[in-house]
Amino acid sequence: MIRFLLRFVVIAAVLQFVFPLIVPGVQVHGDFWHAIGCAFIMWLAGIVIGLLSIFFVFLTAGVGALLVYVLVWFVYAGCLQLTAYWSPNLLTVSDWGSAIGAGLILLLVHYVFNGLTKK
């Protein structure tokens, strides 16, 4: 449970402090609590995209699994775009290029976080 909550805090910190410096097209409107709200909405968007990707894998008879695995940063980019669509007052993503760049950073943060908090 603590690891789950810590993940929200880390993603919120990346949204609030890292993205404005590295990816200028992604911006959280508000303070750190708004960024935590964005992280929660991104988690919900990840569930939706995860379910859609499972459907995609079955629809393509397994070939889609390879695409989802290789292009995983597009999943993070989709989560960002879906979060921005669901809550435009909290998060702005200017274009898909910014979303893909931010998705690559989120992928890196995901791997580092999992490596540091592995049991």
PDB file of N, CA and C in Angstrom:
ATOM      1  N   MET A   1       0.813  -1.190   0.000  1.00  0.00           N
ATOM      2  CA  MET A   1       0.000   0.000   0.000  1.00  0.00           C
ATOM      3  C   MET A   1       0.864   1.265   0.000  1.00  0.00           C
ATOM      4  N   ILE A   2       1.944   1.237   0.781  1.00  0.00           N
ATOM      5  CA  ILE A   2       2.831   2.397   0.825  1.00  0.00           C
ATOM      6  C   ILE A   2       3.523   2.574  -0.519  1.00  0.00           C
ATOM      7  N   ARG A   3       3.913   1.482  -1.143  1.00  0.00           N
ATOM      8  CA  ARG A   3       4.539   1.563  -2.474  1.00  0.00           C
ATOM      9  C   ARG A   3       3.559   2.148  -3.490  1.00  0.00           C
ATOM     10  N   PHE A   4       2.295   1.766  -3.391  1.00  0.00           N
ATOM     11  CA  PHE A   4       1.245   2.277  -4.275  1.00  0.00           C
ATOM     12  C   PHE A   4       1.086   3.784  -4.105  1.00  0.00           C
ATOM     13  N   LEU A   5       1.032   4.258  -2.868  1.00  0.00           N
ATOM     14  CA  LEU A   5       0.903   5.693  -2.606  1.00  0.00           C
ATOM     15  C   LEU A   5       2.174   6.455  -2.972  1.00  0.00           C
ATOM     16  N   LEU A   6       3.320   5.828  -2.736  1.00  0.00           N
ATOM     17  CA  LEU A   6       4.586   6.467  -3.092  1.00  0.00           C
ATOM     18  C   LEU A   6       4.703   6.647  -4.596  1.00  0.00           C
ATOM     19  N   ARG A   7       4.146   5.718  -5.354  1.00  0.00           N
ATOM     20  CA  ARG A   7       4.148   5.840  -6.811  1.00  0.00           C
ATOM     21  C   ARG A   7       3.380   7.093  -7.242  1.00  0.00           C
ATOM     22  N   PHE A   8       2.237   7.382  -6.585  1.00  0.00           N
ATOM     23  CA  PHE A   8       1.485   8.604  -6.893  1.00  0.00           C
ATOM     24  C   PHE A   8       2.315   9.847  -6.607  1.00  0.00           C
ATOM     25  N   VAL A   9       3.029   9.840  -5.508  1.00  0.00           N
ATOM     26  CA  VAL A   9       3.845  10.998  -5.141  1.00  0.00           C
ATOM     27  C   VAL A   9       4.985  11.194  -6.141  1.00  0.00           C
ATOM     28  N   VAL A  10       5.615  10.101  -6.553  1.00  0.00           N
ATOM     29  CA  VAL A  10       6.722  10.208  -7.514  1.00  0.00           C
ATOM     30  C   VAL A  10       6.211  10.705  -8.863  1.00  0.00           C
ATOM     31  N   ILE A  11       5.106  10.146  -9.349  1.00  0.00           N
ATOM     32  CA  ILE A  11       4.539  10.594 -10.629  1.00  0.00           C
ATOM     33  C   ILE A  11       4.090  12.046 -10.524  1.00  0.00           C
ATOM     34  N   ALA A  12       3.512  12.428  -9.402  1.00  0.00           N
ATOM     35  CA  ALA A  12       3.107  13.824  -9.213  1.00  0.00           C
ATOM     36  C   ALA A  12       4.308  14.756  -9.224  1.00  0.00           C
ATOM     37  N   ALA A  13       5.411  14.343  -8.616  1.00  0.00           N
ATOM     38  CA  ALA A  13       6.624  15.159  -8.621  1.00  0.00           C
ATOM     39  C   ALA A  13       7.169  15.307 -10.034  1.00  0.00           C
ATOM     40  N   VAL A  14       7.117  14.235 -10.803  1.00  0.00           N
ATOM     41  CA  VAL A  14       7.571  14.306 -12.195  1.00  0.00           C
ATOM     42  C   VAL A  14       6.666  15.245 -12.993  1.00  0.00           C
ATOM     43  N   LEU A  15       5.361  15.118 -12.803  1.00  0.00           N
ATOM     44  CA  LEU A  15       4.422  15.997 -13.505  1.00  0.00           C
ATOM     45  C   LEU A  15       4.630  17.465 -13.133  1.00  0.00           C
ATOM     46  N   GLN A  16       4.808  17.729 -11.855  1.00  0.00           N
ATOM     47  CA  GLN A  16       4.875  19.110 -11.369  1.00  0.00           C
ATOM     48  C   GLN A  16       6.232  19.759 -11.610  1.00  0.00           C
ATOM     49  N   PHE A  17       7.326  19.013 -11.431  1.00  0.00           N
ATOM     50  CA  PHE A  17       8.647  19.644 -11.418  1.00  0.00           C
ATOM     51  C   PHE A  17       9.540  19.274 -12.606  1.00  0.00           C
ATOM     52  N   VAL A  18       9.446  18.043 -13.108  1.00  0.00           N
ATOM     53  CA  VAL A  18      10.352  17.603 -14.177  1.00  0.00           C
ATOM     54  C   VAL A  18       9.815  17.977 -15.555  1.00  0.00           C
ATOM     55  N   PHE A  19       8.553  17.711 -15.802  1.00  0.00           N
ATOM     56  CA  PHE A  19       8.010  17.974 -17.132  1.00  0.00           C
ATOM     57  C   PHE A  19       8.091  19.438 -17.553  1.00  0.00           C
ATOM     58  N   PRO A  20       7.840  20.412 -16.682  1.00  0.00           N
ATOM     59  CA  PRO A  20       7.990  21.802 -17.135  1.00  0.00           C
ATOM     60  C   PRO A  20       9.414  22.147 -17.568  1.00  0.00           C
ATOM     61  N   LEU A  21      10.408  21.446 -17.026  1.00  0.00           N
ATOM     62  CA  LEU A  21      11.796  21.719 -17.403  1.00  0.00           C
ATOM     63  C   LEU A  21      12.220  20.987 -18.676  1.00  0.00           C
ATOM     64  N   ILE A  22      11.737  19.764 -18.859  1.00  0.00           N
ATOM     65  CA  ILE A  22      12.213  18.925 -19.957  1.00  0.00           C
ATOM     66  C   ILE A  22      11.220  18.885 -21.120  1.00  0.00           C
ATOM     67  N   VAL A  23       9.947  18.736 -20.814  1.00  0.00           N
ATOM     68  CA  VAL A  23       8.907  18.626 -21.846  1.00  0.00           C
ATOM     69  C   VAL A  23       7.988  19.843 -21.714  1.00  0.00           C
ATOM     70  N   PRO A  24       8.223  20.891 -22.485  1.00  0.00           N
ATOM     71  CA  PRO A  24       7.460  22.115 -22.294  1.00  0.00           C
ATOM     72  C   PRO A  24       5.984  22.006 -22.669  1.00  0.00           C
ATOM     73  N   GLY A  25       5.577  20.980 -23.382  1.00  0.00           N
ATOM     74  CA  GLY A  25       4.187  20.861 -23.788  1.00  0.00           C
ATOM     75  C   GLY A  25       3.276  20.218 -22.760  1.00  0.00           C
ATOM     76  N   VAL A  26       3.806  19.751 -21.642  1.00  0.00           N
ATOM     77  CA  VAL A  26       3.006  19.108 -20.598  1.00  0.00           C
ATOM     78  C   VAL A  26       3.056  19.989 -19.361  1.00  0.00           C
ATOM     79  N   GLN A  27       1.871  20.408 -18.886  1.00  0.00           N
ATOM     80  CA  GLN A  27       1.827  21.348 -17.767  1.00  0.00           C
ATOM     81  C   GLN A  27       0.665  21.016 -16.837  1.00  0.00           C
ATOM     82  N   VAL A  28       0.971  20.982 -15.549  1.00  0.00           N
ATOM     83  CA  VAL A  28      -0.049  20.816 -14.519  1.00  0.00           C
ATOM     84  C   VAL A  28      -0.484  22.207 -14.075  1.00  0.00           C
ATOM     85  N   HIS A  29      -1.788  22.422 -13.996  1.00  0.00           N
ATOM     86  CA  HIS A  29      -2.323  23.708 -13.552  1.00  0.00           C
ATOM     87  C   HIS A  29      -2.665  23.601 -12.071  1.00  0.00           C
ATOM     88  N   GLY A  30      -1.863  24.222 -11.242  1.00  0.00           N
ATOM     89  CA  GLY A  30      -2.126  24.177  -9.813  1.00  0.00           C
ATOM     90  C   GLY A  30      -0.894  23.761  -9.033  1.00  0.00           C
ATOM     91  N   ASP A  31      -1.139  23.403  -7.783  1.00  0.00           N
ATOM     92  CA  ASP A  31      -0.039  23.054  -6.883  1.00  0.00           C
ATOM     93  C   ASP A  31       0.200  21.544  -6.902  1.00  0.00           C
ATOM     94  N   PHE A  32       0.977  21.087  -5.914  1.00  0.00           N
ATOM     95  CA  PHE A  32       1.372  19.679  -5.875  1.00  0.00           C
ATOM     96  C   PHE A  32       0.176  18.761  -5.652  1.00  0.00           C
ATOM     97  N   TRP A  33      -0.841  19.218  -4.927  1.00  0.00           N
ATOM     98  CA  TRP A  33      -2.031  18.394  -4.705  1.00  0.00           C
ATOM     99  C   TRP A  33      -2.776  18.162  -6.014  1.00  0.00           C
ATOM    100  N   HIS A  34      -2.770  19.158  -6.886  1.00  0.00           N
ATOM    101  CA  HIS A  34      -3.361  18.969  -8.210  1.00  0.00           C
ATOM    102  C   HIS A  34      -2.569  17.934  -9.016  1.00  0.00           C
ATOM    103  N   ALA A  35      -1.255  17.953  -8.847  1.00  0.00           N
ATOM    104  CA  ALA A  35      -0.415  16.966  -9.538  1.00  0.00           C
ATOM    105  C   ALA A  35      -0.703  15.557  -9.013  1.00  0.00           C
ATOM    106  N   ILE A  36      -0.967  15.421  -7.718  1.00  0.00           N
ATOM    107  CA  ILE A  36      -1.335  14.110  -7.170  1.00  0.00           C
ATOM    108  C   ILE A  36      -2.683  13.669  -7.741  1.00  0.00           C
ATOM    109  N   GLY A  37      -3.605  14.616  -7.895  1.00  0.00           N
ATOM    110  CA  GLY A  37      -4.878  14.307  -8.545  1.00  0.00           C
ATOM    111  C   GLY A  37      -4.682  13.848  -9.976  1.00  0.00           C
ATOM    112  N   CYS A  38      -3.765  14.501 -10.695  1.00  0.00           N
ATOM    113  CA  CYS A  38      -3.441  14.083 -12.067  1.00  0.00           C
ATOM    114  C   CYS A  38      -2.847  12.682 -12.071  1.00  0.00           C
ATOM    115  N   ALA A  39      -1.998  12.370 -11.103  1.00  0.00           N
ATOM    116  CA  ALA A  39      -1.405  11.037 -11.021  1.00  0.00           C
ATOM    117  C   ALA A  39      -2.492   9.986 -10.799  1.00  0.00           C
ATOM    118  N   PHE A  40      -3.489  10.308  -9.977  1.00  0.00           N
ATOM    119  CA  PHE A  40      -4.595   9.375  -9.739  1.00  0.00           C
ATOM    120  C   PHE A  40      -5.414   9.179 -11.017  1.00  0.00           C
ATOM    121  N   ILE A  41      -5.698  10.265 -11.723  1.00  0.00           N
ATOM    122  CA  ILE A  41      -6.457  10.163 -12.974  1.00  0.00           C
ATOM    123  C   ILE A  41      -5.642   9.397 -14.014  1.00  0.00           C
ATOM    124  N   MET A  42      -4.317   9.587 -14.023  1.00  0.00           N
ATOM    125  CA  MET A  42      -3.466   8.816 -14.930  1.00  0.00           C
ATOM    126  C   MET A  42      -3.530   7.328 -14.596  1.00  0.00           C
ATOM    127  N   TRP A  43      -3.623   7.002 -13.320  1.00  0.00           N
ATOM    128  CA  TRP A  43      -3.746   5.609 -12.914  1.00  0.00           C
ATOM    129  C   TRP A  43      -5.051   5.017 -13.474  1.00  0.00           C
ATOM    130  N   LEU A  44      -6.143   5.783 -13.381  1.00  0.00           N
ATOM    131  CA  LEU A  44      -7.412   5.322 -13.945  1.00  0.00           C
ATOM    132  C   LEU A  44      -7.320   5.190 -15.464  1.00  0.00           C
ATOM    133  N   ALA A  45      -6.666   6.143 -16.114  1.00  0.00           N
ATOM    134  CA  ALA A  45      -6.479   6.074 -17.562  1.00  0.00           C
ATOM    135  C   ALA A  45      -5.636   4.857 -17.928  1.00  0.00           C
ATOM    136  N   GLY A  46      -4.655   4.525 -17.101  1.00  0.00           N
ATOM    137  CA  GLY A  46      -3.836   3.340 -17.338  1.00  0.00           C
ATOM    138  C   GLY A  46      -4.652   2.059 -17.274  1.00  0.00           C
ATOM    139  N   ILE A  47      -5.620   2.031 -16.376  1.00  0.00           N
ATOM    140  CA  ILE A  47      -6.508   0.863 -16.298  1.00  0.00           C
ATOM    141  C   ILE A  47      -7.319   0.735 -17.579  1.00  0.00           C
ATOM    142  N   VAL A  48      -7.871   1.856 -18.052  1.00  0.00           N
ATOM    143  CA  VAL A  48      -8.672   1.839 -19.277  1.00  0.00           C
ATOM    144  C   VAL A  48      -7.818   1.407 -20.468  1.00  0.00           C
ATOM    145  N   ILE A  49      -6.626   1.996 -20.605  1.00  0.00           N
ATOM    146  CA  ILE A  49      -5.764   1.654 -21.729  1.00  0.00           C
ATOM    147  C   ILE A  49      -5.257   0.217 -21.605  1.00  0.00           C
ATOM    148  N   GLY A  50      -5.012  -0.240 -20.388  1.00  0.00           N
ATOM    149  CA  GLY A  50      -4.614  -1.633 -20.184  1.00  0.00           C
ATOM    150  C   GLY A  50      -5.692  -2.606 -20.632  1.00  0.00           C
ATOM    151  N   LEU A  51      -6.936  -2.301 -20.310  1.00  0.00           N
ATOM    152  CA  LEU A  51      -8.044  -3.161 -20.759  1.00  0.00           C
ATOM    153  C   LEU A  51      -8.190  -3.123 -22.274  1.00  0.00           C
ATOM    154  N   LEU A  52      -8.020  -1.943 -22.860  1.00  0.00           N
ATOM    155  CA  LEU A  52      -8.089  -1.842 -24.323  1.00  0.00           C
ATOM    156  C   LEU A  52      -6.936  -2.593 -24.986  1.00  0.00           C
ATOM    157  N   SER A  53      -5.760  -2.553 -24.361  1.00  0.00           N
ATOM    158  CA  SER A  53      -4.630  -3.267 -24.952  1.00  0.00           C
ATOM    159  C   SER A  53      -4.814  -4.784 -24.856  1.00  0.00           C
ATOM    160  N   ILE A  54      -5.467  -5.264 -23.802  1.00  0.00           N
ATOM    161  CA  ILE A  54      -5.772  -6.700 -23.719  1.00  0.00           C
ATOM    162  C   ILE A  54      -6.712  -7.094 -24.850  1.00  0.00           C
ATOM    163  N   PHE A  55      -7.711  -6.264 -25.094  1.00  0.00           N
ATOM    164  CA  PHE A  55      -8.623  -6.515 -26.214  1.00  0.00           C
ATOM    165  C   PHE A  55      -7.867  -6.501 -27.539  1.00  0.00           C
ATOM    166  N   PHE A  56      -6.937  -5.555 -27.690  1.00  0.00           N
ATOM    167  CA  PHE A  56      -6.119  -5.451 -28.899  1.00  0.00           C
ATOM    168  C   PHE A  56      -5.258  -6.693 -29.098  1.00  0.00           C
ATOM    169  N   VAL A  57      -4.700  -7.218 -28.028  1.00  0.00           N
ATOM    170  CA  VAL A  57      -3.868  -8.426 -28.117  1.00  0.00           C
ATOM    171  C   VAL A  57      -4.707  -9.613 -28.574  1.00  0.00           C
ATOM    172  N   PHE A  58      -5.902  -9.777 -28.011  1.00  0.00           N
ATOM    173  CA  PHE A  58      -6.756 -10.888 -28.436  1.00  0.00           C
ATOM    174  C   PHE A  58      -7.248 -10.713 -29.862  1.00  0.00           C
ATOM    175  N   LEU A  59      -7.540  -9.465 -30.239  1.00  0.00           N
ATOM    176  CA  LEU A  59      -8.044  -9.189 -31.575  1.00  0.00           C
ATOM    177  C   LEU A  59      -6.997  -9.492 -32.643  1.00  0.00           C
ATOM    178  N   THR A  60      -5.727  -9.256 -32.323  1.00  0.00           N
ATOM    179  CA  THR A  60      -4.657  -9.484 -33.304  1.00  0.00           C
ATOM    180  C   THR A  60      -3.988 -10.844 -33.122  1.00  0.00           C
ATOM    181  N   ALA A  61      -4.586 -11.711 -32.364  1.00  0.00           N
ATOM    182  CA  ALA A  61      -4.090 -13.072 -32.141  1.00  0.00           C
ATOM    183  C   ALA A  61      -2.665 -13.079 -31.589  1.00  0.00           C
ATOM    184  N   GLY A  62      -2.373 -12.173 -30.682  1.00  0.00           N
ATOM    185  CA  GLY A  62      -1.087 -12.170 -29.999  1.00  0.00           C
ATOM    186  C   GLY A  62      -0.036 -11.263 -30.598  1.00  0.00           C
ATOM    187  N   VAL A  63      -0.192 -10.863 -31.855  1.00  0.00           N
ATOM    188  CA  VAL A  63       0.790  -9.978 -32.479  1.00  0.00           C
ATOM    189  C   VAL A  63       0.787  -8.618 -31.782  1.00  0.00           C
ATOM    190  N   GLY A  64      -0.368  -8.200 -31.313  1.00  0.00           N
ATOM    191  CA  GLY A  64      -0.477  -6.924 -30.606  1.00  0.00           C
ATOM    192  C   GLY A  64       0.314  -6.902 -29.313  1.00  0.00           C
ATOM    193  N   ALA A  65       0.545  -8.064 -28.701  1.00  0.00           N
ATOM    194  CA  ALA A  65       1.336  -8.122 -27.474  1.00  0.00           C
ATOM    195  C   ALA A  65       2.760  -7.652 -27.732  1.00  0.00           C
ATOM    196  N   LEU A  66       3.305  -8.044 -28.862  1.00  0.00           N
ATOM    197  CA  LEU A  66       4.646  -7.596 -29.225  1.00  0.00           C
ATOM    198  C   LEU A  66       4.668  -6.086 -29.435  1.00  0.00           C
ATOM    199  N   LEU A  67       3.662  -5.552 -30.099  1.00  0.00           N
ATOM    200  CA  LEU A  67       3.592  -4.109 -30.316  1.00  0.00           C
ATOM    201  C   LEU A  67       3.432  -3.350 -29.009  1.00  0.00           C
ATOM    202  N   VAL A  68       2.580  -3.831 -28.125  1.00  0.00           N
ATOM    203  CA  VAL A  68       2.383  -3.173 -26.833  1.00  0.00           C
ATOM    204  C   VAL A  68       3.668  -3.219 -26.020  1.00  0.00           C
ATOM    205  N   TYR A  69       4.380  -4.336 -26.077  1.00  0.00           N
ATOM    206  CA  TYR A  69       5.625  -4.470 -25.320  1.00  0.00           C
ATOM    207  C   TYR A  69       6.713  -3.548 -25.868  1.00  0.00           C
ATOM    208  N   VAL A  70       6.846  -3.495 -27.188  1.00  0.00           N
ATOM    209  CA  VAL A  70       7.899  -2.689 -27.799  1.00  0.00           C
ATOM    210  C   VAL A  70       7.580  -1.201 -27.721  1.00  0.00           C
ATOM    211  N   LEU A  71       6.345  -0.852 -27.886  1.00  0.00           N
ATOM    212  CA  LEU A  71       5.941   0.559 -27.917  1.00  0.00           C
ATOM    213  C   LEU A  71       5.229   0.980 -26.632  1.00  0.00           C
ATOM    214  N   VAL A  72       5.748   0.546 -25.510  1.00  0.00           N
ATOM    215  CA  VAL A  72       5.088   0.797 -24.229  1.00  0.00           C
ATOM    216  C   VAL A  72       5.025   2.283 -23.891  1.00  0.00           C
ATOM    217  N   TRP A  73       5.947   3.087 -24.414  1.00  0.00           N
ATOM    218  CA  TRP A  73       5.897   4.507 -24.095  1.00  0.00           C
ATOM    219  C   TRP A  73       4.666   5.162 -24.719  1.00  0.00           C
ATOM    220  N   PHE A  74       4.099   4.549 -25.780  1.00  0.00           N
ATOM    221  CA  PHE A  74       2.851   5.070 -26.323  1.00  0.00           C
ATOM    222  C   PHE A  74       1.693   4.851 -25.356  1.00  0.00           C
ATOM    223  N   VAL A  75       1.791   3.817 -24.534  1.00  0.00           N
ATOM    224  CA  VAL A  75       0.776   3.595 -23.499  1.00  0.00           C
ATOM    225  C   VAL A  75       0.822   4.745 -22.494  1.00  0.00           C
ATOM    226  N   TYR A  76       2.025   5.141 -22.080  1.00  0.00           N
ATOM    227  CA  TYR A  76       2.146   6.276 -21.165  1.00  0.00           C
ATOM    228  C   TYR A  76       1.702   7.568 -21.834  1.00  0.00           C
ATOM    229  N   ALA A  77       2.016   7.735 -23.117  1.00  0.00           N
ATOM    230  CA  ALA A  77       1.574   8.919 -23.850  1.00  0.00           C
ATOM    231  C   ALA A  77       0.049   8.945 -23.943  1.00  0.00           C
ATOM    232  N   GLY A  78      -0.541   7.786 -24.180  1.00  0.00           N
ATOM    233  CA  GLY A  78      -2.000   7.698 -24.198  1.00  0.00           C
ATOM    234  C   GLY A  78      -2.623   8.012 -22.853  1.00  0.00           C
ATOM    235  N   CYS A  79      -1.971   7.557 -21.776  1.00  0.00           N
ATOM    236  CA  CYS A  79      -2.458   7.885 -20.425  1.00  0.00           C
ATOM    237  C   CYS A  79      -2.427   9.392 -20.192  1.00  0.00           C
ATOM    238  N   LEU A  80      -1.353  10.035 -20.616  1.00  0.00           N
ATOM    239  CA  LEU A  80      -1.260  11.493 -20.468  1.00  0.00           C
ATOM    240  C   LEU A  80      -2.333  12.199 -21.287  1.00  0.00           C
ATOM    241  N   GLN A  81      -2.511  11.774 -22.523  1.00  0.00           N
ATOM    242  CA  GLN A  81      -3.519  12.413 -23.365  1.00  0.00           C
ATOM    243  C   GLN A  81      -4.932  12.187 -22.815  1.00  0.00           C
ATOM    244  N   LEU A  82      -5.200  10.994 -22.334  1.00  0.00           N
ATOM    245  CA  LEU A  82      -6.517  10.701 -21.766  1.00  0.00           C
ATOM    246  C   LEU A  82      -6.747  11.483 -20.483  1.00  0.00           C
ATOM    247  N   THR A  83      -5.711  11.626 -19.670  1.00  0.00           N
ATOM    248  CA  THR A  83      -5.823  12.435 -18.453  1.00  0.00           C
ATOM    249  C   THR A  83      -6.097  13.893 -18.793  1.00  0.00           C
ATOM    250  N   ALA A  84      -5.398  14.404 -19.792  1.00  0.00           N
ATOM    251  CA  ALA A  84      -5.623  15.790 -20.212  1.00  0.00           C
ATOM    252  C   ALA A  84      -7.028  15.964 -20.789  1.00  0.00           C
ATOM    253  N   TYR A  85      -7.534  14.943 -21.468  1.00  0.00           N
ATOM    254  CA  TYR A  85      -8.881  15.009 -22.017  1.00  0.00           C
ATOM    255  C   TYR A  85      -9.936  14.974 -20.909  1.00  0.00           C
ATOM    256  N   TRP A  86      -9.719  14.088 -19.922  1.00  0.00           N
ATOM    257  CA  TRP A  86     -10.684  13.959 -18.830  1.00  0.00           C
ATOM    258  C   TRP A  86     -10.657  15.143 -17.877  1.00  0.00           C
ATOM    259  N   SER A  87      -9.507  15.759 -17.690  1.00  0.00           N
ATOM    260  CA  SER A  87      -9.397  16.864 -16.720  1.00  0.00           C
ATOM    261  C   SER A  87      -8.581  18.020 -17.319  1.00  0.00           C
ATOM    262  N   PRO A  88      -9.176  18.757 -18.251  1.00  0.00           N
ATOM    263  CA  PRO A  88      -8.428  19.846 -18.894  1.00  0.00           C
ATOM    264  C   PRO A  88      -8.081  20.990 -17.949  1.00  0.00           C
ATOM    265  N   ASN A  89      -8.756  21.094 -16.815  1.00  0.00           N
ATOM    266  CA  ASN A  89      -8.422  22.144 -15.845  1.00  0.00           C
ATOM    267  C   ASN A  89      -7.208  21.779 -15.002  1.00  0.00           C
ATOM    268  N   LEU A  90      -6.813  20.510 -14.995  1.00  0.00           N
ATOM    269  CA  LEU A  90      -5.665  20.065 -14.203  1.00  0.00           C
ATOM    270  C   LEU A  90      -4.399  19.882 -15.029  1.00  0.00           C
ATOM    271  N   LEU A  91      -4.540  19.363 -16.248  1.00  0.00           N
ATOM    272  CA  LEU A  91      -3.380  18.991 -17.045  1.00  0.00           C
ATOM    273  C   LEU A  91      -3.584  19.416 -18.495  1.00  0.00           C
ATOM    274  N   THR A  92      -2.529  19.968 -19.074  1.00  0.00           N
ATOM    275  CA  THR A  92      -2.535  20.322 -20.491  1.00  0.00           C
ATOM    276  C   THR A  92      -1.393  19.592 -21.182  1.00  0.00           C
ATOM    277  N   VAL A  93      -1.718  18.917 -22.268  1.00  0.00           N
ATOM    278  CA  VAL A  93      -0.718  18.285 -23.128  1.00  0.00           C
ATOM    279  C   VAL A  93      -0.914  18.907 -24.499  1.00  0.00           C
ATOM    280  N   SER A  94       0.099  19.628 -24.983  1.00  0.00           N
ATOM    281  CA  SER A  94      -0.072  20.421 -26.194  1.00  0.00           C
ATOM    282  C   SER A  94      -0.216  19.579 -27.457  1.00  0.00           C
ATOM    283  N   ASP A  95       0.546  18.506 -27.584  1.00  0.00           N
ATOM    284  CA  ASP A  95       0.483  17.680 -28.784  1.00  0.00           C
ATOM    285  C   ASP A  95       1.006  16.280 -28.480  1.00  0.00           C
ATOM    286  N   TRP A  96       0.923  15.399 -29.493  1.00  0.00           N
ATOM    287  CA  TRP A  96       1.371  14.027 -29.300  1.00  0.00           C
ATOM    288  C   TRP A  96       2.879  13.932 -29.158  1.00  0.00           C
ATOM    289  N   GLY A  97       3.615  14.853 -29.759  1.00  0.00           N
ATOM    290  CA  GLY A  97       5.073  14.836 -29.603  1.00  0.00           C
ATOM    291  C   GLY A  97       5.480  15.044 -28.157  1.00  0.00           C
ATOM    292  N   SER A  98       4.825  16.005 -27.505  1.00  0.00           N
ATOM    293  CA  SER A  98       5.093  16.225 -26.080  1.00  0.00           C
ATOM    294  C   SER A  98       4.658  15.034 -25.251  1.00  0.00           C
ATOM    295  N   ALA A  99       3.526  14.441 -25.609  1.00  0.00           N
ATOM    296  CA  ALA A  99       3.034  13.276 -24.865  1.00  0.00           C
ATOM    297  C   ALA A  99       3.985  12.091 -25.006  1.00  0.00           C
ATOM    298  N   ILE A 100       4.537  11.888 -26.196  1.00  0.00           N
ATOM    299  CA  ILE A 100       5.462  10.776 -26.402  1.00  0.00           C
ATOM    300  C   ILE A 100       6.773  11.016 -25.653  1.00  0.00           C
ATOM    301  N   GLY A 101       7.273  12.248 -25.680  1.00  0.00           N
ATOM    302  CA  GLY A 101       8.473  12.569 -24.901  1.00  0.00           C
ATOM    303  C   GLY A 101       8.247  12.372 -23.418  1.00  0.00           C
ATOM    304  N   ALA A 102       7.096  12.816 -22.924  1.00  0.00           N
ATOM    305  CA  ALA A 102       6.768  12.623 -21.517  1.00  0.00           C
ATOM    306  C   ALA A 102       6.556  11.142 -21.212  1.00  0.00           C
ATOM    307  N   GLY A 103       6.012  10.385 -22.182  1.00  0.00           N
ATOM    308  CA  GLY A 103       5.838   8.950 -21.993  1.00  0.00           C
ATOM    309  C   GLY A 103       7.164   8.230 -21.837  1.00  0.00           C
ATOM    310  N   LEU A 104       8.166   8.653 -22.591  1.00  0.00           N
ATOM    311  CA  LEU A 104       9.494   8.065 -22.440  1.00  0.00           C
ATOM    312  C   LEU A 104      10.069   8.347 -21.051  1.00  0.00           C
ATOM    313  N   ILE A 105       9.862   9.563 -20.562  1.00  0.00           N
ATOM    314  CA  ILE A 105      10.341   9.903 -19.217  1.00  0.00           C
ATOM    315  C   ILE A 105       9.589   9.090 -18.165  1.00  0.00           C
ATOM    316  N   LEU A 106       8.267   8.962 -18.327  1.00  0.00           N
ATOM    317  CA  LEU A 106       7.490   8.166 -17.378  1.00  0.00           C
ATOM    318  C   LEU A 106       7.908   6.702 -17.405  1.00  0.00           C
ATOM    319  N   LEU A 107       8.255   6.192 -18.581  1.00  0.00           N
ATOM    320  CA  LEU A 107       8.757   4.819 -18.679  1.00  0.00           C
ATOM    321  C   LEU A 107      10.056   4.664 -17.897  1.00  0.00           C
ATOM    322  N   LEU A 108      10.956   5.616 -18.043  1.00  0.00           N
ATOM    323  CA  LEU A 108      12.214   5.593 -17.304  1.00  0.00           C
ATOM    324  C   LEU A 108      11.963   5.671 -15.797  1.00  0.00           C
ATOM    325  N   VAL A 109      11.056   6.561 -15.381  1.00  0.00           N
ATOM    326  CA  VAL A 109      10.722   6.683 -13.956  1.00  0.00           C
ATOM    327  C   VAL A 109      10.118   5.384 -13.441  1.00  0.00           C
ATOM    328  N   HIS A 110       9.287   4.762 -14.248  1.00  0.00           N
ATOM    329  CA  HIS A 110       8.670   3.486 -13.861  1.00  0.00           C
ATOM    330  C   HIS A 110       9.728   2.414 -13.605  1.00  0.00           C
ATOM    331  N   TYR A 111      10.695   2.285 -14.525  1.00  0.00           N
ATOM    332  CA  TYR A 111      11.735   1.271 -14.357  1.00  0.00           C
ATOM    333  C   TYR A 111      12.634   1.579 -13.163  1.00  0.00           C
ATOM    334  N   VAL A 112      12.990   2.829 -12.978  1.00  0.00           N
ATOM    335  CA  VAL A 112      13.830   3.201 -11.823  1.00  0.00           C
ATOM    336  C   VAL A 112      13.064   2.966 -10.530  1.00  0.00           C
ATOM    337  N   PHE A 113      11.805   3.379 -10.476  1.00  0.00           N
ATOM    338  CA  PHE A 113      10.997   3.188  -9.267  1.00  0.00           C
ATOM    339  C   PHE A 113      10.847   1.715  -8.929  1.00  0.00           C
ATOM    340  N   ASN A 114      10.558   0.892  -9.935  1.00  0.00           N
ATOM    341  CA  ASN A 114      10.435  -0.548  -9.677  1.00  0.00           C
ATOM    342  C   ASN A 114      11.756  -1.156  -9.253  1.00  0.00           C
ATOM    343  N   GLY A 115      12.860  -0.679  -9.801  1.00  0.00           N
ATOM    344  CA  GLY A 115      14.165  -1.197  -9.414  1.00  0.00           C
ATOM    345  C   GLY A 115      14.536  -0.821  -7.995  1.00  0.00           C
ATOM    346  N   LEU A 116      14.162   0.380  -7.560  1.00  0.00           N
ATOM    347  CA  LEU A 116      14.495   0.829  -6.213  1.00  0.00           C
ATOM    348  C   LEU A 116      13.585   0.257  -5.147  1.00  0.00           C
ATOM    349  N   THR A 117      12.349  -0.078  -5.512  1.00  0.00           N
ATOM    350  CA  THR A 117      11.396  -0.554  -4.511  1.00  0.00           C
ATOM    351  C   THR A 117      11.117  -2.045  -4.645  1.00  0.00           C
ATOM    352  N   LYS A 118      11.962  -2.765  -5.373  1.00  0.00           N
ATOM    353  CA  LYS A 118      11.755  -4.202  -5.530  1.00  0.00           C
ATOM    354  C   LYS A 118      11.961  -4.912  -4.201  1.00  0.00           C
ATOM    355  N   LYS A 119      11.147  -5.899  -3.947  1.00  0.00           N
ATOM    356  CA  LYS A 119      11.242  -6.641  -2.691  1.00  0.00           C
ATOM    357  C   LYS A 119      12.346  -7.659  -2.759  1.00  0.00           C
TER     358      LYS A 119
END
